[in-house]
Amino acid sequence: MEATKKCLIIGVDSQIGSYLNQYLKRMGYQLFGTTRRIDSLKKSKNLIYLDLSKDFYNSSENFDLAIVCAGVTDINFCEKTFL
């Protein structure tokens, strides 16, 4: 029997990340996700706190797949900071 593959979704509570989480769960993946929402951490043991504006994620956990669904969505912040 093949081992369950482990997937990390960075930004799992984003719109795309949450749909991807549901899909991969149906496909049989063991899922882990990152969030910057403190209140969400209590809901699942597979959630990891990560704020990309401050942190870099470094884990001793081995994943078969990692997908980034996080980004800065505040257009005003992006224009002021990056232009």
PDB file of N, CA and C in Angstrom:
ATOM      1  N   MET A   1       0.841  -1.186   0.000  1.00  0.00           N
ATOM      2  CA  MET A   1       0.000   0.000   0.000  1.00  0.00           C
ATOM      3  C   MET A   1       0.883   1.245   0.000  1.00  0.00           C
ATOM      4  N   GLU A   2       0.572   2.195  -0.853  1.00  0.00           N
ATOM      5  CA  GLU A   2       1.345   3.426  -0.987  1.00  0.00           C
ATOM      6  C   GLU A   2       1.076   4.358   0.188  1.00  0.00           C
ATOM      7  N   ALA A   3       2.136   4.998   0.691  1.00  0.00           N
ATOM      8  CA  ALA A   3       1.994   5.939   1.800  1.00  0.00           C
ATOM      9  C   ALA A   3       1.224   7.172   1.345  1.00  0.00           C
ATOM     10  N   THR A   4       0.486   7.754   2.272  1.00  0.00           N
ATOM     11  CA  THR A   4      -0.245   8.982   1.987  1.00  0.00           C
ATOM     12  C   THR A   4       0.751  10.114   1.755  1.00  0.00           C
ATOM     13  N   LYS A   5       0.550  10.848   0.678  1.00  0.00           N
ATOM     14  CA  LYS A   5       1.438  11.975   0.377  1.00  0.00           C
ATOM     15  C   LYS A   5       1.044  13.174   1.218  1.00  0.00           C
ATOM     16  N   LYS A   6       2.065  13.915   1.663  1.00  0.00           N
ATOM     17  CA  LYS A   6       1.846  15.087   2.502  1.00  0.00           C
ATOM     18  C   LYS A   6       2.015  16.352   1.671  1.00  0.00           C
ATOM     19  N   CYS A   7       1.051  17.268   1.839  1.00  0.00           N
ATOM     20  CA  CYS A   7       1.040  18.514   1.079  1.00  0.00           C
ATOM     21  C   CYS A   7       0.950  19.698   2.025  1.00  0.00           C
ATOM     22  N   LEU A   8       1.752  20.730   1.758  1.00  0.00           N
ATOM     23  CA  LEU A   8       1.698  21.990   2.484  1.00  0.00           C
ATOM     24  C   LEU A   8       1.098  23.044   1.559  1.00  0.00           C
ATOM     25  N   ILE A   9       0.026  23.694   2.019  1.00  0.00           N
ATOM     26  CA  ILE A   9      -0.575  24.791   1.270  1.00  0.00           C
ATOM     27  C   ILE A   9      -0.308  26.078   2.048  1.00  0.00           C
ATOM     28  N   ILE A  10       0.532  26.928   1.490  1.00  0.00           N
ATOM     29  CA  ILE A  10       0.825  28.216   2.114  1.00  0.00           C
ATOM     30  C   ILE A  10      -0.302  29.167   1.716  1.00  0.00           C
ATOM     31  N   GLY A  11      -1.037  29.649   2.731  1.00  0.00           N
ATOM     32  CA  GLY A  11      -2.224  30.460   2.470  1.00  0.00           C
ATOM     33  C   GLY A  11      -3.455  29.588   2.306  1.00  0.00           C
ATOM     34  N   VAL A  12      -3.561  28.563   3.128  1.00  0.00           N
ATOM     35  CA  VAL A  12      -4.662  27.603   3.002  1.00  0.00           C
ATOM     36  C   VAL A  12      -6.024  28.247   3.252  1.00  0.00           C
ATOM     37  N   ASP A  13      -6.064  29.354   3.963  1.00  0.00           N
ATOM     38  CA  ASP A  13      -7.357  29.981   4.224  1.00  0.00           C
ATOM     39  C   ASP A  13      -7.712  31.076   3.222  1.00  0.00           C
ATOM     40  N   SER A  14      -6.932  31.177   2.152  1.00  0.00           N
ATOM     41  CA  SER A  14      -7.318  32.060   1.046  1.00  0.00           C
ATOM     42  C   SER A  14      -8.421  31.361   0.250  1.00  0.00           C
ATOM     43  N   GLN A  15      -9.053  32.086  -0.640  1.00  0.00           N
ATOM     44  CA  GLN A  15     -10.139  31.475  -1.419  1.00  0.00           C
ATOM     45  C   GLN A  15      -9.629  30.306  -2.263  1.00  0.00           C
ATOM     46  N   ILE A  16      -8.554  30.518  -2.988  1.00  0.00           N
ATOM     47  CA  ILE A  16      -7.996  29.444  -3.812  1.00  0.00           C
ATOM     48  C   ILE A  16      -7.440  28.333  -2.932  1.00  0.00           C
ATOM     49  N   GLY A  17      -6.730  28.704  -1.857  1.00  0.00           N
ATOM     50  CA  GLY A  17      -6.144  27.714  -0.958  1.00  0.00           C
ATOM     51  C   GLY A  17      -7.177  26.822  -0.310  1.00  0.00           C
ATOM     52  N   SER A  18      -8.315  27.380   0.079  1.00  0.00           N
ATOM     53  CA  SER A  18      -9.345  26.567   0.734  1.00  0.00           C
ATOM     54  C   SER A  18      -9.997  25.588  -0.238  1.00  0.00           C
ATOM     55  N   TYR A  19     -10.224  26.003  -1.483  1.00  0.00           N
ATOM     56  CA  TYR A  19     -10.774  25.078  -2.477  1.00  0.00           C
ATOM     57  C   TYR A  19      -9.768  23.995  -2.827  1.00  0.00           C
ATOM     58  N   LEU A  20      -8.513  24.377  -2.930  1.00  0.00           N
ATOM     59  CA  LEU A  20      -7.458  23.416  -3.213  1.00  0.00           C
ATOM     60  C   LEU A  20      -7.336  22.406  -2.073  1.00  0.00           C
ATOM     61  N   ASN A  21      -7.472  22.877  -0.851  1.00  0.00           N
ATOM     62  CA  ASN A  21      -7.448  22.015   0.325  1.00  0.00           C
ATOM     63  C   ASN A  21      -8.555  20.961   0.240  1.00  0.00           C
ATOM     64  N   GLN A  22      -9.748  21.383  -0.094  1.00  0.00           N
ATOM     65  CA  GLN A  22     -10.878  20.440  -0.221  1.00  0.00           C
ATOM     66  C   GLN A  22     -10.619  19.408  -1.318  1.00  0.00           C
ATOM     67  N   TYR A  23     -10.107  19.859  -2.445  1.00  0.00           N
ATOM     68  CA  TYR A  23      -9.838  18.967  -3.576  1.00  0.00           C
ATOM     69  C   TYR A  23      -8.772  17.928  -3.226  1.00  0.00           C
ATOM     70  N   LEU A  24      -7.663  18.400  -2.665  1.00  0.00           N
ATOM     71  CA  LEU A  24      -6.576  17.481  -2.342  1.00  0.00           C
ATOM     72  C   LEU A  24      -6.957  16.513  -1.222  1.00  0.00           C
ATOM     73  N   LYS A  25      -7.820  16.957  -0.318  1.00  0.00           N
ATOM     74  CA  LYS A  25      -8.315  16.067   0.731  1.00  0.00           C
ATOM     75  C   LYS A  25      -9.093  14.906   0.094  1.00  0.00           C
ATOM     76  N   ARG A  26      -9.930  15.226  -0.887  1.00  0.00           N
ATOM     77  CA  ARG A  26     -10.684  14.171  -1.595  1.00  0.00           C
ATOM     78  C   ARG A  26      -9.746  13.242  -2.361  1.00  0.00           C
ATOM     79  N   MET A  27      -8.593  13.761  -2.785  1.00  0.00           N
ATOM     80  CA  MET A  27      -7.614  12.956  -3.524  1.00  0.00           C
ATOM     81  C   MET A  27      -6.753  12.102  -2.591  1.00  0.00           C
ATOM     82  N   GLY A  28      -6.935  12.255  -1.284  1.00  0.00           N
ATOM     83  CA  GLY A  28      -6.253  11.405  -0.324  1.00  0.00           C
ATOM     84  C   GLY A  28      -4.966  11.953   0.272  1.00  0.00           C
ATOM     85  N   TYR A  29      -4.661  13.238   0.043  1.00  0.00           N
ATOM     86  CA  TYR A  29      -3.453  13.828   0.607  1.00  0.00           C
ATOM     87  C   TYR A  29      -3.628  14.102   2.100  1.00  0.00           C
ATOM     88  N   GLN A  30      -2.537  14.014   2.850  1.00  0.00           N
ATOM     89  CA  GLN A  30      -2.500  14.494   4.222  1.00  0.00           C
ATOM     90  C   GLN A  30      -2.117  15.963   4.128  1.00  0.00           C
ATOM     91  N   LEU A  31      -2.980  16.840   4.602  1.00  0.00           N
ATOM     92  CA  LEU A  31      -2.805  18.273   4.350  1.00  0.00           C
ATOM     93  C   LEU A  31      -2.363  19.048   5.573  1.00  0.00           C
ATOM     94  N   PHE A  32      -1.486  20.009   5.318  1.00  0.00           N
ATOM     95  CA  PHE A  32      -1.023  20.985   6.289  1.00  0.00           C
ATOM     96  C   PHE A  32      -1.157  22.340   5.620  1.00  0.00           C
ATOM     97  N   GLY A  33      -1.393  23.365   6.413  1.00  0.00           N
ATOM     98  CA  GLY A  33      -1.530  24.680   5.817  1.00  0.00           C
ATOM     99  C   GLY A  33      -0.985  25.761   6.720  1.00  0.00           C
ATOM    100  N   THR A  34      -0.678  26.901   6.112  1.00  0.00           N
ATOM    101  CA  THR A  34      -0.238  28.055   6.890  1.00  0.00           C
ATOM    102  C   THR A  34      -1.327  29.111   6.881  1.00  0.00           C
ATOM    103  N   THR A  35      -1.356  29.872   7.966  1.00  0.00           N
ATOM    104  CA  THR A  35      -2.303  30.960   8.111  1.00  0.00           C
ATOM    105  C   THR A  35      -1.653  32.069   8.923  1.00  0.00           C
ATOM    106  N   ARG A  36      -2.097  33.286   8.738  1.00  0.00           N
ATOM    107  CA  ARG A  36      -1.660  34.376   9.614  1.00  0.00           C
ATOM    108  C   ARG A  36      -2.804  34.797  10.530  1.00  0.00           C
ATOM    109  N   ARG A  37      -3.900  34.061  10.478  1.00  0.00           N
ATOM    110  CA  ARG A  37      -5.067  34.335  11.323  1.00  0.00           C
ATOM    111  C   ARG A  37      -4.951  33.527  12.613  1.00  0.00           C
ATOM    112  N   ILE A  38      -4.641  34.215  13.690  1.00  0.00           N
ATOM    113  CA  ILE A  38      -4.406  33.577  14.980  1.00  0.00           C
ATOM    114  C   ILE A  38      -5.611  32.728  15.411  1.00  0.00           C
ATOM    115  N   ASP A  39      -6.828  33.232  15.216  1.00  0.00           N
ATOM    116  CA  ASP A  39      -8.019  32.509  15.647  1.00  0.00           C
ATOM    117  C   ASP A  39      -8.203  31.195  14.894  1.00  0.00           C
ATOM    118  N   SER A  40      -7.657  31.079  13.706  1.00  0.00           N
ATOM    119  CA  SER A  40      -7.784  29.845  12.925  1.00  0.00           C
ATOM    120  C   SER A  40      -6.907  28.722  13.467  1.00  0.00           C
ATOM    121  N   LEU A  41      -5.847  29.065  14.188  1.00  0.00           N
ATOM    122  CA  LEU A  41      -4.900  28.064  14.670  1.00  0.00           C
ATOM    123  C   LEU A  41      -5.542  27.066  15.626  1.00  0.00           C
ATOM    124  N   LYS A  42      -6.572  27.498  16.348  1.00  0.00           N
ATOM    125  CA  LYS A  42      -7.246  26.631  17.312  1.00  0.00           C
ATOM    126  C   LYS A  42      -8.136  25.597  16.633  1.00  0.00           C
ATOM    127  N   LYS A  43      -8.456  25.802  15.363  1.00  0.00           N
ATOM    128  CA  LYS A  43      -9.410  24.948  14.657  1.00  0.00           C
ATOM    129  C   LYS A  43      -8.806  23.662  14.118  1.00  0.00           C
ATOM    130  N   SER A  44      -7.485  23.630  13.919  1.00  0.00           N
ATOM    131  CA  SER A  44      -6.864  22.457  13.309  1.00  0.00           C
ATOM    132  C   SER A  44      -5.430  22.300  13.787  1.00  0.00           C
ATOM    133  N   LYS A  45      -5.050  21.065  14.074  1.00  0.00           N
ATOM    134  CA  LYS A  45      -3.663  20.798  14.473  1.00  0.00           C
ATOM    135  C   LYS A  45      -2.725  20.828  13.275  1.00  0.00           C
ATOM    136  N   ASN A  46      -3.258  20.852  12.070  1.00  0.00           N
ATOM    137  CA  ASN A  46      -2.439  20.871  10.859  1.00  0.00           C
ATOM    138  C   ASN A  46      -2.220  22.279  10.319  1.00  0.00           C
ATOM    139  N   LEU A  47      -2.568  23.310  11.112  1.00  0.00           N
ATOM    140  CA  LEU A  47      -2.322  24.691  10.712  1.00  0.00           C
ATOM    141  C   LEU A  47      -1.062  25.212  11.387  1.00  0.00           C
ATOM    142  N   ILE A  48      -0.294  25.979  10.647  1.00  0.00           N
ATOM    143  CA  ILE A  48       0.966  26.541  11.099  1.00  0.00           C
ATOM    144  C   ILE A  48       0.882  28.053  10.903  1.00  0.00           C
ATOM    145  N   TYR A  49       1.278  28.823  11.924  1.00  0.00           N
ATOM    146  CA  TYR A  49       1.255  30.282  11.794  1.00  0.00           C
ATOM    147  C   TYR A  49       2.380  30.737  10.875  1.00  0.00           C
ATOM    148  N   LEU A  50       2.049  31.605   9.911  1.00  0.00           N
ATOM    149  CA  LEU A  50       3.052  32.198   9.033  1.00  0.00           C
ATOM    150  C   LEU A  50       2.517  33.511   8.495  1.00  0.00           C
ATOM    151  N   ASP A  51       3.254  34.598   8.749  1.00  0.00           N
ATOM    152  CA  ASP A  51       2.941  35.900   8.177  1.00  0.00           C
ATOM    153  C   ASP A  51       4.083  36.231   7.224  1.00  0.00           C
ATOM    154  N   LEU A  52       3.828  36.133   5.929  1.00  0.00           N
ATOM    155  CA  LEU A  52       4.882  36.301   4.927  1.00  0.00           C
ATOM    156  C   LEU A  52       5.521  37.687   4.935  1.00  0.00           C
ATOM    157  N   SER A  53       4.846  38.677   5.510  1.00  0.00           N
ATOM    158  CA  SER A  53       5.448  40.008   5.568  1.00  0.00           C
ATOM    159  C   SER A  53       6.508  40.089   6.666  1.00  0.00           C
ATOM    160  N   LYS A  54       6.549  39.086   7.562  1.00  0.00           N
ATOM    161  CA  LYS A  54       7.486  39.111   8.682  1.00  0.00           C
ATOM    162  C   LYS A  54       8.346  37.862   8.792  1.00  0.00           C
ATOM    163  N   ASP A  55       7.818  36.734   8.370  1.00  0.00           N
ATOM    164  CA  ASP A  55       8.438  35.447   8.659  1.00  0.00           C
ATOM    165  C   ASP A  55       8.906  34.721   7.413  1.00  0.00           C
ATOM    166  N   PHE A  56       9.798  33.787   7.633  1.00  0.00           N
ATOM    167  CA  PHE A  56      10.196  32.821   6.616  1.00  0.00           C
ATOM    168  C   PHE A  56       9.906  31.456   7.199  1.00  0.00           C
ATOM    169  N   TYR A  57       9.224  30.617   6.454  1.00  0.00           N
ATOM    170  CA  TYR A  57       8.850  29.308   6.972  1.00  0.00           C
ATOM    171  C   TYR A  57       9.994  28.323   6.811  1.00  0.00           C
ATOM    172  N   ASN A  58      10.383  27.729   7.917  1.00  0.00           N
ATOM    173  CA  ASN A  58      11.436  26.725   7.914  1.00  0.00           C
ATOM    174  C   ASN A  58      10.935  25.556   8.754  1.00  0.00           C
ATOM    175  N   SER A  59      10.858  24.391   8.167  1.00  0.00           N
ATOM    176  CA  SER A  59      10.276  23.253   8.860  1.00  0.00           C
ATOM    177  C   SER A  59      11.174  22.037   8.756  1.00  0.00           C
ATOM    178  N   SER A  60      11.129  21.229   9.795  1.00  0.00           N
ATOM    179  CA  SER A  60      11.819  19.945   9.743  1.00  0.00           C
ATOM    180  C   SER A  60      10.900  18.886   9.136  1.00  0.00           C
ATOM    181  N   GLU A  61       9.649  19.255   8.927  1.00  0.00           N
ATOM    182  CA  GLU A  61       8.661  18.363   8.308  1.00  0.00           C
ATOM    183  C   GLU A  61       8.979  18.205   6.825  1.00  0.00           C
ATOM    184  N   ASN A  62       8.881  17.005   6.327  1.00  0.00           N
ATOM    185  CA  ASN A  62       9.084  16.758   4.897  1.00  0.00           C
ATOM    186  C   ASN A  62       7.737  16.665   4.196  1.00  0.00           C
ATOM    187  N   PHE A  63       7.584  17.424   3.120  1.00  0.00           N
ATOM    188  CA  PHE A  63       6.357  17.417   2.339  1.00  0.00           C
ATOM    189  C   PHE A  63       6.652  16.887   0.940  1.00  0.00           C
ATOM    190  N   ASP A  64       5.690  16.190   0.362  1.00  0.00           N
ATOM    191  CA  ASP A  64       5.822  15.717  -1.011  1.00  0.00           C
ATOM    192  C   ASP A  64       5.477  16.820  -2.005  1.00  0.00           C
ATOM    193  N   LEU A  65       4.684  17.788  -1.537  1.00  0.00           N
ATOM    194  CA  LEU A  65       4.171  18.837  -2.406  1.00  0.00           C
ATOM    195  C   LEU A  65       3.956  20.091  -1.570  1.00  0.00           C
ATOM    196  N   ALA A  66       4.326  21.244  -2.100  1.00  0.00           N
ATOM    197  CA  ALA A  66       4.045  22.519  -1.438  1.00  0.00           C
ATOM    198  C   ALA A  66       3.483  23.471  -2.486  1.00  0.00           C
ATOM    199  N   ILE A  67       2.400  24.157  -2.134  1.00  0.00           N
ATOM    200  CA  ILE A  67       1.726  25.057  -3.064  1.00  0.00           C
ATOM    201  C   ILE A  67       1.559  26.406  -2.376  1.00  0.00           C
ATOM    202  N   VAL A  68       1.932  27.485  -3.053  1.00  0.00           N
ATOM    203  CA  VAL A  68       1.816  28.830  -2.497  1.00  0.00           C
ATOM    204  C   VAL A  68       0.550  29.482  -3.025  1.00  0.00           C
ATOM    205  N   CYS A  69      -0.371  29.774  -2.111  1.00  0.00           N
ATOM    206  CA  CYS A  69      -1.625  30.456  -2.448  1.00  0.00           C
ATOM    207  C   CYS A  69      -1.748  31.724  -1.600  1.00  0.00           C
ATOM    208  N   ALA A  70      -0.637  32.311  -1.272  1.00  0.00           N
ATOM    209  CA  ALA A  70      -0.631  33.506  -0.428  1.00  0.00           C
ATOM    210  C   ALA A  70       0.038  34.644  -1.180  1.00  0.00           C
ATOM    211  N   GLY A  71      -0.394  35.824  -0.880  1.00  0.00           N
ATOM    212  CA  GLY A  71       0.207  36.984  -1.506  1.00  0.00           C
ATOM    213  C   GLY A  71      -0.359  38.247  -0.897  1.00  0.00           C
ATOM    214  N   VAL A  72       0.195  39.363  -1.260  1.00  0.00           N
ATOM    215  CA  VAL A  72      -0.301  40.650  -0.796  1.00  0.00           C
ATOM    216  C   VAL A  72      -1.443  41.059  -1.712  1.00  0.00           C
ATOM    217  N   THR A  73      -2.611  41.282  -1.126  1.00  0.00           N
ATOM    218  CA  THR A  73      -3.781  41.619  -1.938  1.00  0.00           C
ATOM    219  C   THR A  73      -4.211  43.076  -1.792  1.00  0.00           C
ATOM    220  N   ASP A  74      -3.509  43.832  -0.966  1.00  0.00           N
ATOM    221  CA  ASP A  74      -3.823  45.245  -0.769  1.00  0.00           C
ATOM    222  C   ASP A  74      -3.101  46.058  -1.851  1.00  0.00           C
ATOM    223  N   ILE A  75      -3.830  46.498  -2.855  1.00  0.00           N
ATOM    224  CA  ILE A  75      -3.241  47.203  -4.001  1.00  0.00           C
ATOM    225  C   ILE A  75      -2.552  48.492  -3.559  1.00  0.00           C
ATOM    226  N   ASN A  76      -3.175  49.248  -2.655  1.00  0.00           N
ATOM    227  CA  ASN A  76      -2.559  50.492  -2.175  1.00  0.00           C
ATOM    228  C   ASN A  76      -1.220  50.217  -1.497  1.00  0.00           C
ATOM    229  N   PHE A  77      -1.170  49.181  -0.668  1.00  0.00           N
ATOM    230  CA  PHE A  77       0.082  48.813  -0.009  1.00  0.00           C
ATOM    231  C   PHE A  77       1.148  48.446  -1.041  1.00  0.00           C
ATOM    232  N   CYS A  78       0.789  47.677  -2.032  1.00  0.00           N
ATOM    233  CA  CYS A  78       1.736  47.267  -3.075  1.00  0.00           C
ATOM    234  C   CYS A  78       2.276  48.471  -3.843  1.00  0.00           C
ATOM    235  N   GLU A  79       1.386  49.396  -4.205  1.00  0.00           N
ATOM    236  CA  GLU A  79       1.814  50.572  -4.959  1.00  0.00           C
ATOM    237  C   GLU A  79       2.757  51.452  -4.139  1.00  0.00           C
ATOM    238  N   LYS A  80       2.452  51.628  -2.855  1.00  0.00           N
ATOM    239  CA  LYS A  80       3.302  52.454  -1.983  1.00  0.00           C
ATOM    240  C   LYS A  80       4.629  51.778  -1.689  1.00  0.00           C
ATOM    241  N   THR A  81       4.620  50.482  -1.575  1.00  0.00           N
ATOM    242  CA  THR A  81       5.815  49.755  -1.140  1.00  0.00           C
ATOM    243  C   THR A  81       6.716  49.348  -2.296  1.00  0.00           C
ATOM    244  N   PHE A  82       6.137  48.955  -3.409  1.00  0.00           N
ATOM    245  CA  PHE A  82       6.926  48.324  -4.468  1.00  0.00           C
ATOM    246  C   PHE A  82       7.082  49.167  -5.733  1.00  0.00           C
ATOM    247  N   LEU A  83       6.386  50.297  -5.843  1.00  0.00           N
ATOM    248  CA  LEU A  83       6.536  51.135  -7.042  1.00  0.00           C
ATOM    249  C   LEU A  83       7.387  52.345  -6.780  1.00  0.00           C
TER     250      LEU A  83
END
